[in-house]
Amino acid sequence: MAGNTLSINRNSTALVLIDLQKGILGRDTRPYKAVDVLSNAVKLVRKFRETKMPVFFVHVDFRNAVPLKVESDSTMAGGNPPADWAEFADELGVTSDDLVVTKRQWGAFYGTDLEQQLRRRKIDTIVLGGIATTYGVESTARFAFEFGFNQIFAEDAMTDLAEESHRVSVEFVLKRMGRVRKTEEILSSL
C-alpha cells in the first residue's frame, strides 16, 4: 500500500514533544509507562540533535495565567502544583539550542508562536510525541493538520491516562491526520 514506507526529509522536519515535564511524568499512564515514553523521547531527541534537526519542547504552565471559565462535567484541576511541576524532565537535557514553547491550553499552537517558529525554519513535517495522547498531543495534532503540516506520530513516545483513550486516539484520529510509527522505525528513517 502506498504511503507505508517512511521517508523523512531532514531539512524540513522537526521533533515536537508535548508536556514531558516533571508534574505530568509522575502520573499513572497507559498503555505505556511514562518512564518508557520518556526513554523513547530521549532517543528521538538525541537522533534529531545528531542530524542537526530542530527539537521543540512544549510544556504547559498554568502559573500566572488566567484560568478558563468553561463549564464542564469533569476537570483536570488538581490544586496548587509544586514549584517544579512545569520543568522538563532532566533526562531530556534541554539546551539553549532547543526551542521551548510554553502553552496555557491543551494544544501547543493556540496562543503560542509554535507555528511561526516552524514556518521560519521551513518545517513542513513534525514528529510528534508526549503526554497525554488525547489531550496535548491530539490537540496539537489537530491544529497542525489544519495548518497543513505533515505529521509522524511516535506512537510509543506518547501515552495517555487510560489505554482505551490512547488506542482510540491513535486508531481513529491520528491515523487520519498523519502516519503512526514506532520510535525505532522513525529513528531508522533518519
Protein backbone atom coordinates (compact mmCIF):
# COMPACT_ATOMS: atom_id res chain seq x y z
CA MET A 1 0.00 0.00 0.00
CA ALA A 2 1.36 3.44 -0.94
CA GLY A 3 2.42 5.66 1.91
CA ASN A 4 3.57 2.90 4.28
CA THR A 5 7.30 3.45 3.74
CA LEU A 6 8.57 6.19 5.98
CA SER A 7 10.81 8.75 4.35
CA ILE A 8 11.89 11.78 6.38
CA ASN A 9 13.37 14.92 4.87
CA ARG A 10 15.96 16.13 7.38
CA ASN A 11 15.80 19.69 6.02
CA SER A 12 12.10 20.20 6.66
CA THR A 13 11.26 18.04 9.69
CA ALA A 14 11.25 18.93 13.39
CA LEU A 15 10.63 16.99 16.58
CA VAL A 16 7.85 18.37 18.79
CA LEU A 17 7.45 16.84 22.25
CA ILE A 18 4.45 17.70 24.40
CA ASP A 19 4.38 18.03 28.20
CA LEU A 20 7.31 15.79 29.13
CA GLN A 21 7.57 17.71 32.36
CA LYS A 22 8.04 16.68 35.95
CA GLY A 23 4.45 17.27 37.04
CA ILE A 24 2.96 15.16 34.25
CA LEU A 25 5.56 12.38 34.05
CA GLY A 26 4.62 11.39 37.58
CA ARG A 27 1.10 10.38 36.54
CA ASP A 28 -0.08 6.81 36.09
CA THR A 29 -0.20 6.35 32.31
CA ARG A 30 -1.30 3.68 29.85
CA PRO A 31 -0.64 1.79 27.62
CA TYR A 32 2.97 2.88 28.11
CA LYS A 33 4.55 3.89 31.38
CA ALA A 34 5.71 7.48 31.45
CA VAL A 35 9.29 6.35 32.02
CA ASP A 36 9.19 4.31 28.78
CA VAL A 37 7.71 7.22 26.83
CA LEU A 38 10.46 9.45 28.21
CA SER A 39 13.11 6.90 27.19
CA ASN A 40 11.79 6.82 23.61
CA ALA A 41 11.58 10.61 23.54
CA VAL A 42 15.22 10.85 24.65
CA LYS A 43 16.23 8.54 21.78
CA LEU A 44 14.41 10.80 19.32
CA VAL A 45 15.95 13.94 20.82
CA ARG A 46 19.45 12.50 20.53
CA LYS A 47 18.96 11.47 16.90
CA PHE A 48 17.41 14.80 15.91
CA ARG A 49 20.28 16.68 17.53
CA GLU A 50 22.84 14.36 15.92
CA THR A 51 21.34 15.06 12.49
CA LYS A 52 21.06 18.82 13.20
CA MET A 53 17.26 18.80 13.05
CA PRO A 54 15.21 21.18 15.25
CA VAL A 55 13.83 19.99 18.57
CA PHE A 56 10.85 21.73 20.15
CA PHE A 57 9.96 21.13 23.77
CA VAL A 58 6.46 22.19 24.73
CA HIS A 59 5.28 22.39 28.31
CA VAL A 60 2.13 23.60 29.94
CA ASP A 61 2.40 26.13 32.72
CA PHE A 62 -0.74 27.49 34.33
CA ARG A 63 1.07 29.70 36.82
CA ASN A 64 0.43 33.39 36.23
CA ALA A 65 -2.30 32.53 33.72
CA VAL A 66 -5.94 33.49 33.83
CA PRO A 67 -7.84 30.20 34.09
CA LEU A 68 -10.52 29.32 31.57
CA LYS A 69 -14.02 29.74 32.89
CA VAL A 70 -15.58 26.98 30.82
CA GLU A 71 -18.37 24.89 32.29
CA SER A 72 -17.66 21.17 32.01
CA ASP A 73 -18.68 17.90 33.61
CA SER A 74 -15.12 17.00 34.55
CA THR A 75 -11.95 18.93 35.25
CA MET A 76 -8.27 18.12 35.40
CA ALA A 77 -7.62 20.76 38.05
CA GLY A 78 -5.54 19.50 40.91
CA GLY A 79 -4.91 22.42 43.23
CA ASN A 80 -1.57 24.16 43.50
CA PRO A 81 1.18 22.25 41.67
CA PRO A 82 4.69 22.03 43.14
CA ALA A 83 7.24 24.64 42.04
CA ASP A 84 8.98 22.26 39.61
CA TRP A 85 5.73 20.95 38.05
CA ALA A 86 6.31 22.66 34.66
CA GLU A 87 10.05 21.87 34.46
CA PHE A 88 11.16 19.48 31.72
CA ALA A 89 12.47 16.07 32.73
CA ASP A 90 16.22 16.23 33.33
CA GLU A 91 16.76 13.24 31.00
CA LEU A 92 15.74 15.38 28.01
CA GLY A 93 18.75 17.64 28.55
CA VAL A 94 17.03 20.75 27.17
CA THR A 95 19.68 23.15 25.86
CA SER A 96 19.75 26.71 24.57
CA ASP A 97 19.81 25.29 21.02
CA ASP A 98 16.38 23.73 21.55
CA LEU A 99 13.17 25.68 21.12
CA VAL A 100 10.91 25.91 24.15
CA VAL A 101 7.23 26.69 23.87
CA THR A 102 5.09 27.44 26.90
CA LYS A 103 1.39 26.83 26.44
CA ARG A 104 -1.57 27.57 28.65
CA GLN A 105 -4.08 25.27 26.93
CA TRP A 106 -4.02 21.64 25.81
CA GLY A 107 -2.63 22.29 22.33
CA ALA A 108 0.80 23.70 21.52
CA PHE A 109 -0.35 26.04 18.73
CA TYR A 110 -3.11 28.06 20.37
CA GLY A 111 -1.74 31.25 21.93
CA THR A 112 1.92 30.43 21.18
CA ASP A 113 4.41 31.17 18.42
CA LEU A 114 4.93 27.49 17.51
CA GLU A 115 3.53 27.82 14.00
CA GLN A 116 5.67 30.90 13.31
CA GLN A 117 8.81 29.20 14.64
CA LEU A 118 8.22 26.13 12.46
CA ARG A 119 7.49 28.18 9.34
CA ARG A 120 10.58 30.39 9.85
CA ARG A 121 12.66 27.23 9.74
CA LYS A 122 10.83 25.99 6.63
CA ILE A 123 9.47 23.00 8.53
CA ASP A 124 6.60 21.22 6.82
CA THR A 125 6.68 17.96 8.81
CA ILE A 126 6.64 17.33 12.54
CA VAL A 127 7.37 14.19 14.50
CA LEU A 128 5.05 14.37 17.48
CA GLY A 129 5.04 12.66 20.86
CA GLY A 130 4.29 13.34 24.51
CA ILE A 131 1.74 13.03 27.26
CA ALA A 132 -1.22 12.76 27.11
CA THR A 133 -2.28 11.37 23.77
CA THR A 134 -5.89 12.59 23.92
CA TYR A 135 -5.08 15.98 25.41
CA GLY A 136 -1.86 17.77 24.49
CA VAL A 137 -0.78 15.50 21.63
CA GLU A 138 -4.11 15.18 19.84
CA SER A 139 -5.00 18.85 20.32
CA THR A 140 -1.63 19.87 18.86
CA ALA A 141 -2.07 17.37 16.02
CA ARG A 142 -5.48 18.76 15.09
CA PHE A 143 -4.10 22.29 14.76
CA ALA A 144 -1.04 21.04 12.84
CA PHE A 145 -3.32 19.18 10.44
CA GLU A 146 -5.46 22.27 9.86
CA PHE A 147 -2.31 24.36 9.32
CA GLY A 148 -1.19 21.87 6.65
CA PHE A 149 1.78 20.26 8.42
CA ASN A 150 2.64 16.65 7.64
CA GLN A 151 2.81 14.61 10.82
CA ILE A 152 4.53 11.47 12.01
CA PHE A 153 3.26 10.23 15.36
CA ALA A 154 5.75 8.37 17.55
CA GLU A 155 3.12 6.01 18.98
CA ASP A 156 5.32 4.56 21.73
CA ALA A 157 6.70 8.00 22.61
CA MET A 158 3.22 9.04 23.70
CA THR A 159 0.76 7.69 26.21
CA ASP A 160 -2.45 8.59 27.99
CA LEU A 161 -4.26 8.30 31.29
CA ALA A 162 -6.19 5.28 30.01
CA GLU A 163 -5.21 2.62 27.47
CA GLU A 164 -8.55 2.87 25.67
CA SER A 165 -8.19 6.63 25.21
CA HIS A 166 -4.74 6.21 23.67
CA ARG A 167 -5.92 3.43 21.35
CA VAL A 168 -8.99 5.33 20.14
CA SER A 169 -6.97 8.49 19.50
CA VAL A 170 -4.28 6.61 17.57
CA GLU A 171 -6.61 4.40 15.55
CA PHE A 172 -9.45 6.80 14.80
CA VAL A 173 -7.92 10.27 14.89
CA LEU A 174 -4.15 10.40 14.47
CA LYS A 175 -4.02 7.87 11.61
CA ARG A 176 -6.33 10.18 9.66
CA MET A 177 -4.02 13.18 10.17
CA GLY A 178 -0.64 11.60 9.58
CA ARG A 179 1.49 8.49 9.84
CA VAL A 180 1.70 6.50 13.06
CA ARG A 181 5.01 4.71 13.63
CA LYS A 182 7.06 3.23 16.46
CA THR A 183 10.12 5.14 17.67
CA GLU A 184 12.56 2.63 16.20
CA GLU A 185 11.08 2.99 12.70
CA ILE A 186 11.36 6.77 12.92
CA LEU A 187 14.96 6.51 14.12
CA SER A 188 15.91 4.17 11.30
CA SER A 189 14.43 6.63 8.77
CA LEU A 190 16.68 9.48 9.88
